Amino acid sequence: MDAYSGLIGAMFLISNVLIYPVIIILLGLVAWAIISVGQFLSEYASRSRDIRKLKAGCRAAKEHLDGQDYNKAAHALKACGSNDFLREFILDIIETLKESKFSVEAEKLLQDYELKIAKELEHARLIARVAPMLGLMGTLIPLGPALMGLTSGDIQQLATNLVVAFSTTVLGLLTGGIAYAIVLVKKRWYTQDLSDMEYVVEVLK
């Protein structure tokens, strides 16, 4: 019976200690969410896509490439890059225009940008999953002391722990929801950018 009581006491102590890092991490994630919303709105305001300009620039670049005029081809490509990823991709693809194995280099570049896009979304995806888990931990951990306060008639302890429990739940769900929304919208943006990159490569082949 003493061993059992010791195990219960150890678990109770560990869970109570965990509440502090959980709260600190949640507050950090809330700060991340605020910053990410600002970055998201900034990126949204700067995004623009003109498919006719993209097609015209790629066709002009292809004509210059057929005529071995690499400088004019590079100039035509630079003019059709709209969003950040696409602009970076075009600058990198220009470096491969003179390569004899252009198709191979371009395919490798596309794969690299797929990985770069996946990496760009990694943090938001992770937080969308982890934040609600931390919110649940922050909810369950204070319930033990709250119940103990209830049994001992300490209403102040009960109220304090319930406030912590509900607050961490709200913070976890809020942060997770923001991260999930950012992932959904950015995934659509970057999928479109990747489609434009593939179009550029296909036209230039």
C-alpha atoms as a PDB file:
ATOM      1  CA  MET A   1       0.000   0.000   0.000  1.00  0.00           C
ATOM      2  CA  ASP A   2       2.911   2.343   0.760  1.00  0.00           C
ATOM      3  CA  ALA A   3       4.450   1.620  -2.658  1.00  0.00           C
ATOM      4  CA  TYR A   4       1.150   2.367  -4.351  1.00  0.00           C
ATOM      5  CA  SER A   5       0.790   5.630  -2.442  1.00  0.00           C
ATOM      6  CA  GLY A   6       4.345   6.538  -3.397  1.00  0.00           C
ATOM      7  CA  LEU A   7       3.635   5.942  -7.095  1.00  0.00           C
ATOM      8  CA  ILE A   8       0.474   8.029  -6.941  1.00  0.00           C
ATOM      9  CA  GLY A   9       2.357  10.801  -5.164  1.00  0.00           C
ATOM     10  CA  ALA A  10       5.167  10.712  -7.728  1.00  0.00           C
ATOM     11  CA  MET A  11       2.709  10.926 -10.644  1.00  0.00           C
ATOM     12  CA  PHE A  12       0.857  13.780  -8.967  1.00  0.00           C
ATOM     13  CA  LEU A  13       4.105  15.655  -8.353  1.00  0.00           C
ATOM     14  CA  ILE A  14       5.363  15.185 -11.933  1.00  0.00           C
ATOM     15  CA  SER A  15       2.047  16.273 -13.451  1.00  0.00           C
ATOM     16  CA  ASN A  16       1.959  19.376 -11.262  1.00  0.00           C
ATOM     17  CA  VAL A  17       5.515  20.299 -12.267  1.00  0.00           C
ATOM     18  CA  LEU A  18       4.595  19.937 -15.951  1.00  0.00           C
ATOM     19  CA  ILE A  19       1.980  22.679 -15.749  1.00  0.00           C
ATOM     20  CA  TYR A  20       4.674  25.391 -15.739  1.00  0.00           C
ATOM     21  CA  PRO A  21       6.431  24.396 -18.998  1.00  0.00           C
ATOM     22  CA  VAL A  22       3.020  23.783 -20.595  1.00  0.00           C
ATOM     23  CA  ILE A  23       1.858  27.310 -19.744  1.00  0.00           C
ATOM     24  CA  ILE A  24       5.157  28.857 -20.883  1.00  0.00           C
ATOM     25  CA  ILE A  25       5.083  26.962 -24.196  1.00  0.00           C
ATOM     26  CA  LEU A  26       1.443  27.918 -24.785  1.00  0.00           C
ATOM     27  CA  LEU A  27       2.236  31.585 -24.198  1.00  0.00           C
ATOM     28  CA  GLY A  28       5.130  31.261 -26.640  1.00  0.00           C
ATOM     29  CA  LEU A  29       2.812  29.680 -29.213  1.00  0.00           C
ATOM     30  CA  VAL A  30       0.327  32.515 -28.784  1.00  0.00           C
ATOM     31  CA  ALA A  31       3.141  34.982 -29.527  1.00  0.00           C
ATOM     32  CA  TRP A  32       4.064  32.884 -32.587  1.00  0.00           C
ATOM     33  CA  ALA A  33       0.427  32.959 -33.743  1.00  0.00           C
ATOM     34  CA  ILE A  34       0.261  36.759 -33.495  1.00  0.00           C
ATOM     35  CA  ILE A  35       3.502  37.158 -35.463  1.00  0.00           C
ATOM     36  CA  SER A  36       2.396  34.550 -38.023  1.00  0.00           C
ATOM     37  CA  VAL A  37      -0.914  36.314 -38.623  1.00  0.00           C
ATOM     38  CA  GLY A  38       0.998  39.526 -39.339  1.00  0.00           C
ATOM     39  CA  GLN A  39       3.348  37.732 -41.747  1.00  0.00           C
ATOM     40  CA  PHE A  40       0.409  35.972 -43.368  1.00  0.00           C
ATOM     41  CA  LEU A  41      -1.441  39.252 -43.997  1.00  0.00           C
ATOM     42  CA  SER A  42       1.740  40.833 -45.351  1.00  0.00           C
ATOM     43  CA  GLU A  43       2.291  37.928 -47.748  1.00  0.00           C
ATOM     44  CA  TYR A  44      -1.371  38.011 -48.788  1.00  0.00           C
ATOM     45  CA  ALA A  45      -1.118  41.735 -49.610  1.00  0.00           C
ATOM     46  CA  SER A  46       2.037  41.188 -51.685  1.00  0.00           C
ATOM     47  CA  ARG A  47       0.801  38.186 -53.675  1.00  0.00           C
ATOM     48  CA  SER A  48      -0.286  38.699 -57.271  1.00  0.00           C
ATOM     49  CA  ARG A  49      -0.622  36.359 -60.215  1.00  0.00           C
ATOM     50  CA  ASP A  50      -1.040  37.250 -63.882  1.00  0.00           C
ATOM     51  CA  ILE A  51      -1.256  34.009 -65.851  1.00  0.00           C
ATOM     52  CA  ARG A  52      -1.257  35.837 -69.202  1.00  0.00           C
ATOM     53  CA  LYS A  53       1.965  37.623 -68.283  1.00  0.00           C
ATOM     54  CA  LEU A  54       3.481  34.313 -67.168  1.00  0.00           C
ATOM     55  CA  LYS A  55       2.558  32.549 -70.422  1.00  0.00           C
ATOM     56  CA  ALA A  56       3.752  35.427 -72.589  1.00  0.00           C
ATOM     57  CA  GLY A  57       7.062  35.655 -70.728  1.00  0.00           C
ATOM     58  CA  CYS A  58       7.707  31.916 -70.942  1.00  0.00           C
ATOM     59  CA  ARG A  59       6.924  31.800 -74.661  1.00  0.00           C
ATOM     60  CA  ALA A  60       9.190  34.782 -75.325  1.00  0.00           C
ATOM     61  CA  ALA A  61      11.951  33.142 -73.312  1.00  0.00           C
ATOM     62  CA  LYS A  62      11.537  29.924 -75.280  1.00  0.00           C
ATOM     63  CA  GLU A  63      11.852  31.807 -78.588  1.00  0.00           C
ATOM     64  CA  HIS A  64      15.046  33.514 -77.388  1.00  0.00           C
ATOM     65  CA  LEU A  65      16.427  30.169 -76.207  1.00  0.00           C
ATOM     66  CA  ASP A  66      15.786  28.634 -79.620  1.00  0.00           C
ATOM     67  CA  GLY A  67      17.789  31.526 -81.055  1.00  0.00           C
ATOM     68  CA  GLN A  68      20.589  30.944 -78.495  1.00  0.00           C
ATOM     69  CA  ASP A  69      20.014  34.405 -77.023  1.00  0.00           C
ATOM     70  CA  TYR A  70      20.304  33.560 -73.308  1.00  0.00           C
ATOM     71  CA  ASN A  71      20.376  37.155 -72.061  1.00  0.00           C
ATOM     72  CA  LYS A  72      17.036  38.045 -73.639  1.00  0.00           C
ATOM     73  CA  ALA A  73      15.583  34.724 -72.446  1.00  0.00           C
ATOM     74  CA  ALA A  74      16.676  35.512 -68.900  1.00  0.00           C
ATOM     75  CA  HIS A  75      15.200  39.013 -69.133  1.00  0.00           C
ATOM     76  CA  ALA A  76      11.860  37.644 -70.377  1.00  0.00           C
ATOM     77  CA  LEU A  77      11.727  35.117 -67.543  1.00  0.00           C
ATOM     78  CA  LYS A  78      12.512  37.677 -64.862  1.00  0.00           C
ATOM     79  CA  ALA A  79       9.605  39.819 -66.023  1.00  0.00           C
ATOM     80  CA  CYS A  80       7.039  37.046 -65.483  1.00  0.00           C
ATOM     81  CA  GLY A  81       7.878  36.092 -61.881  1.00  0.00           C
ATOM     82  CA  SER A  82       5.081  37.260 -59.609  1.00  0.00           C
ATOM     83  CA  ASN A  83       5.233  35.696 -56.114  1.00  0.00           C
ATOM     84  CA  ASP A  84       8.297  35.122 -53.944  1.00  0.00           C
ATOM     85  CA  PHE A  85       8.735  31.397 -54.544  1.00  0.00           C
ATOM     86  CA  LEU A  86       8.181  31.772 -58.287  1.00  0.00           C
ATOM     87  CA  ARG A  87      10.647  34.674 -58.502  1.00  0.00           C
ATOM     88  CA  GLU A  88      13.290  32.672 -56.642  1.00  0.00           C
ATOM     89  CA  PHE A  89      12.644  29.668 -58.863  1.00  0.00           C
ATOM     90  CA  ILE A  90      12.992  31.722 -62.047  1.00  0.00           C
ATOM     91  CA  LEU A  91      16.280  33.210 -60.858  1.00  0.00           C
ATOM     92  CA  ASP A  92      17.544  29.685 -60.168  1.00  0.00           C
ATOM     93  CA  ILE A  93      16.240  28.273 -63.467  1.00  0.00           C
ATOM     94  CA  ILE A  94      18.035  31.045 -65.361  1.00  0.00           C
ATOM     95  CA  GLU A  95      21.320  29.627 -64.055  1.00  0.00           C
ATOM     96  CA  THR A  96      20.529  26.302 -65.753  1.00  0.00           C
ATOM     97  CA  LEU A  97      19.519  27.649 -69.178  1.00  0.00           C
ATOM     98  CA  LYS A  98      22.955  27.032 -70.673  1.00  0.00           C
ATOM     99  CA  GLU A  99      23.224  23.528 -69.220  1.00  0.00           C
ATOM    100  CA  SER A 100      23.289  20.741 -71.780  1.00  0.00           C
ATOM    101  CA  LYS A 101      21.078  18.625 -69.521  1.00  0.00           C
ATOM    102  CA  PHE A 102      18.513  21.319 -68.841  1.00  0.00           C
ATOM    103  CA  SER A 103      15.632  18.869 -68.305  1.00  0.00           C
ATOM    104  CA  VAL A 104      17.520  16.998 -65.592  1.00  0.00           C
ATOM    105  CA  GLU A 105      18.628  20.177 -63.814  1.00  0.00           C
ATOM    106  CA  ALA A 106      15.159  21.689 -64.023  1.00  0.00           C
ATOM    107  CA  GLU A 107      13.548  18.541 -62.595  1.00  0.00           C
ATOM    108  CA  LYS A 108      16.026  18.536 -59.720  1.00  0.00           C
ATOM    109  CA  LEU A 109      15.264  22.204 -59.079  1.00  0.00           C
ATOM    110  CA  LEU A 110      11.523  21.470 -58.995  1.00  0.00           C
ATOM    111  CA  GLN A 111      12.060  18.731 -56.425  1.00  0.00           C
ATOM    112  CA  ASP A 112      14.181  21.068 -54.313  1.00  0.00           C
ATOM    113  CA  TYR A 113      11.399  23.669 -54.339  1.00  0.00           C
ATOM    114  CA  GLU A 114       8.823  21.061 -53.365  1.00  0.00           C
ATOM    115  CA  LEU A 115      10.953  20.336 -50.300  1.00  0.00           C
ATOM    116  CA  LYS A 116      11.398  24.052 -49.622  1.00  0.00           C
ATOM    117  CA  ILE A 117       7.627  24.576 -49.738  1.00  0.00           C
ATOM    118  CA  ALA A 118       7.063  21.597 -47.423  1.00  0.00           C
ATOM    119  CA  LYS A 119       9.619  23.056 -45.005  1.00  0.00           C
ATOM    120  CA  GLU A 120       7.854  26.430 -45.114  1.00  0.00           C
ATOM    121  CA  LEU A 121       4.660  24.763 -43.891  1.00  0.00           C
ATOM    122  CA  GLU A 122       6.293  22.464 -41.324  1.00  0.00           C
ATOM    123  CA  HIS A 123       6.131  24.794 -38.339  1.00  0.00           C
ATOM    124  CA  ALA A 124       2.479  25.690 -38.810  1.00  0.00           C
ATOM    125  CA  ARG A 125       1.535  22.034 -39.335  1.00  0.00           C
ATOM    126  CA  LEU A 126       3.376  21.006 -36.187  1.00  0.00           C
ATOM    127  CA  ILE A 127       1.797  23.752 -34.091  1.00  0.00           C
ATOM    128  CA  ALA A 128      -1.668  22.959 -35.452  1.00  0.00           C
ATOM    129  CA  ARG A 129      -1.264  19.469 -33.968  1.00  0.00           C
ATOM    130  CA  VAL A 130       0.732  20.225 -30.812  1.00  0.00           C
ATOM    131  CA  ALA A 131      -1.110  23.306 -29.510  1.00  0.00           C
ATOM    132  CA  PRO A 132      -4.439  21.522 -28.812  1.00  0.00           C
ATOM    133  CA  MET A 133      -2.497  18.689 -27.100  1.00  0.00           C
ATOM    134  CA  LEU A 134      -0.768  21.182 -24.819  1.00  0.00           C
ATOM    135  CA  GLY A 135      -4.124  22.859 -24.192  1.00  0.00           C
ATOM    136  CA  LEU A 136      -5.552  19.497 -23.130  1.00  0.00           C
ATOM    137  CA  MET A 137      -2.577  18.890 -20.838  1.00  0.00           C
ATOM    138  CA  GLY A 138      -3.076  22.340 -19.349  1.00  0.00           C
ATOM    139  CA  THR A 139      -6.714  21.449 -18.761  1.00  0.00           C
ATOM    140  CA  LEU A 140      -6.197  18.068 -17.127  1.00  0.00           C
ATOM    141  CA  ILE A 141      -3.193  18.838 -14.909  1.00  0.00           C
ATOM    142  CA  PRO A 142      -4.914  21.472 -12.686  1.00  0.00           C
ATOM    143  CA  LEU A 143      -7.987  19.268 -12.229  1.00  0.00           C
ATOM    144  CA  GLY A 144      -6.157  17.128  -9.644  1.00  0.00           C
ATOM    145  CA  PRO A 145      -5.402  20.037  -7.298  1.00  0.00           C
ATOM    146  CA  ALA A 146      -8.876  21.456  -8.033  1.00  0.00           C
ATOM    147  CA  LEU A 147     -10.541  18.238  -6.881  1.00  0.00           C
ATOM    148  CA  MET A 148      -8.329  18.149  -3.808  1.00  0.00           C
ATOM    149  CA  GLY A 149      -9.378  21.707  -3.021  1.00  0.00           C
ATOM    150  CA  LEU A 150     -13.005  20.712  -3.453  1.00  0.00           C
ATOM    151  CA  THR A 151     -12.722  17.771  -1.056  1.00  0.00           C
ATOM    152  CA  SER A 152     -10.965  19.930   1.546  1.00  0.00           C
ATOM    153  CA  GLY A 153     -13.441  22.786   1.137  1.00  0.00           C
ATOM    154  CA  ASP A 154     -10.801  25.176  -0.253  1.00  0.00           C
ATOM    155  CA  ILE A 155     -12.920  27.069  -2.803  1.00  0.00           C
ATOM    156  CA  GLN A 156     -10.063  29.470  -3.623  1.00  0.00           C
ATOM    157  CA  GLN A 157      -7.797  26.595  -4.710  1.00  0.00           C
ATOM    158  CA  LEU A 158     -10.637  25.089  -6.746  1.00  0.00           C
ATOM    159  CA  ALA A 159     -11.385  28.365  -8.527  1.00  0.00           C
ATOM    160  CA  THR A 160      -7.712  29.130  -9.254  1.00  0.00           C
ATOM    161  CA  ASN A 161      -7.038  25.742 -10.801  1.00  0.00           C
ATOM    162  CA  LEU A 162     -10.225  25.816 -12.861  1.00  0.00           C
ATOM    163  CA  VAL A 163      -9.236  29.226 -14.260  1.00  0.00           C
ATOM    164  CA  VAL A 164      -5.851  27.783 -15.298  1.00  0.00           C
ATOM    165  CA  ALA A 165      -7.533  24.731 -16.835  1.00  0.00           C
ATOM    166  CA  PHE A 166     -10.010  26.698 -18.937  1.00  0.00           C
ATOM    167  CA  SER A 167      -7.449  29.342 -19.959  1.00  0.00           C
ATOM    168  CA  THR A 168      -4.954  26.800 -21.277  1.00  0.00           C
ATOM    169  CA  THR A 169      -7.723  25.088 -23.241  1.00  0.00           C
ATOM    170  CA  VAL A 170      -8.669  28.344 -24.929  1.00  0.00           C
ATOM    171  CA  LEU A 171      -5.039  29.225 -25.732  1.00  0.00           C
ATOM    172  CA  GLY A 172      -4.332  25.771 -27.169  1.00  0.00           C
ATOM    173  CA  LEU A 173      -7.421  25.757 -29.376  1.00  0.00           C
ATOM    174  CA  LEU A 174      -6.872  29.352 -30.502  1.00  0.00           C
ATOM    175  CA  THR A 175      -3.255  28.752 -31.497  1.00  0.00           C
ATOM    176  CA  GLY A 176      -4.040  25.435 -33.169  1.00  0.00           C
ATOM    177  CA  GLY A 177      -6.923  26.986 -35.122  1.00  0.00           C
ATOM    178  CA  ILE A 178      -4.780  29.871 -36.370  1.00  0.00           C
ATOM    179  CA  ALA A 179      -1.972  27.516 -37.400  1.00  0.00           C
ATOM    180  CA  TYR A 180      -4.407  25.193 -39.193  1.00  0.00           C
ATOM    181  CA  ALA A 181      -5.999  28.082 -41.112  1.00  0.00           C
ATOM    182  CA  ILE A 182      -2.559  29.369 -42.157  1.00  0.00           C
ATOM    183  CA  VAL A 183      -1.550  25.891 -43.371  1.00  0.00           C
ATOM    184  CA  LEU A 184      -4.719  25.502 -45.452  1.00  0.00           C
ATOM    185  CA  VAL A 185      -4.412  28.853 -47.214  1.00  0.00           C
ATOM    186  CA  LYS A 186      -0.647  28.748 -47.726  1.00  0.00           C
ATOM    187  CA  LYS A 187      -0.836  25.196 -49.063  1.00  0.00           C
ATOM    188  CA  ARG A 188      -3.215  26.430 -51.769  1.00  0.00           C
ATOM    189  CA  TRP A 189      -0.943  29.379 -52.554  1.00  0.00           C
ATOM    190  CA  TYR A 190       2.196  27.279 -52.816  1.00  0.00           C
ATOM    191  CA  THR A 191       0.494  24.527 -54.815  1.00  0.00           C
ATOM    192  CA  GLN A 192      -0.396  27.179 -57.374  1.00  0.00           C
ATOM    193  CA  ASP A 193       3.186  28.478 -57.326  1.00  0.00           C
ATOM    194  CA  LEU A 194       4.488  24.957 -57.862  1.00  0.00           C
ATOM    195  CA  SER A 195       2.092  24.492 -60.776  1.00  0.00           C
ATOM    196  CA  ASP A 196       3.459  27.700 -62.337  1.00  0.00           C
ATOM    197  CA  MET A 197       7.026  26.447 -61.836  1.00  0.00           C
ATOM    198  CA  GLU A 198       6.186  23.210 -63.616  1.00  0.00           C
ATOM    199  CA  TYR A 199       4.615  25.214 -66.447  1.00  0.00           C
ATOM    200  CA  VAL A 200       7.789  27.291 -66.809  1.00  0.00           C
ATOM    201  CA  VAL A 201       9.917  24.157 -67.056  1.00  0.00           C
ATOM    202  CA  GLU A 202       7.615  22.466 -69.568  1.00  0.00           C
ATOM    203  CA  VAL A 203       7.601  25.512 -71.855  1.00  0.00           C
ATOM    204  CA  LEU A 204      11.388  25.875 -71.720  1.00  0.00           C
ATOM    205  CA  LYS A 205      12.151  22.228 -72.500  1.00  0.00           C
END
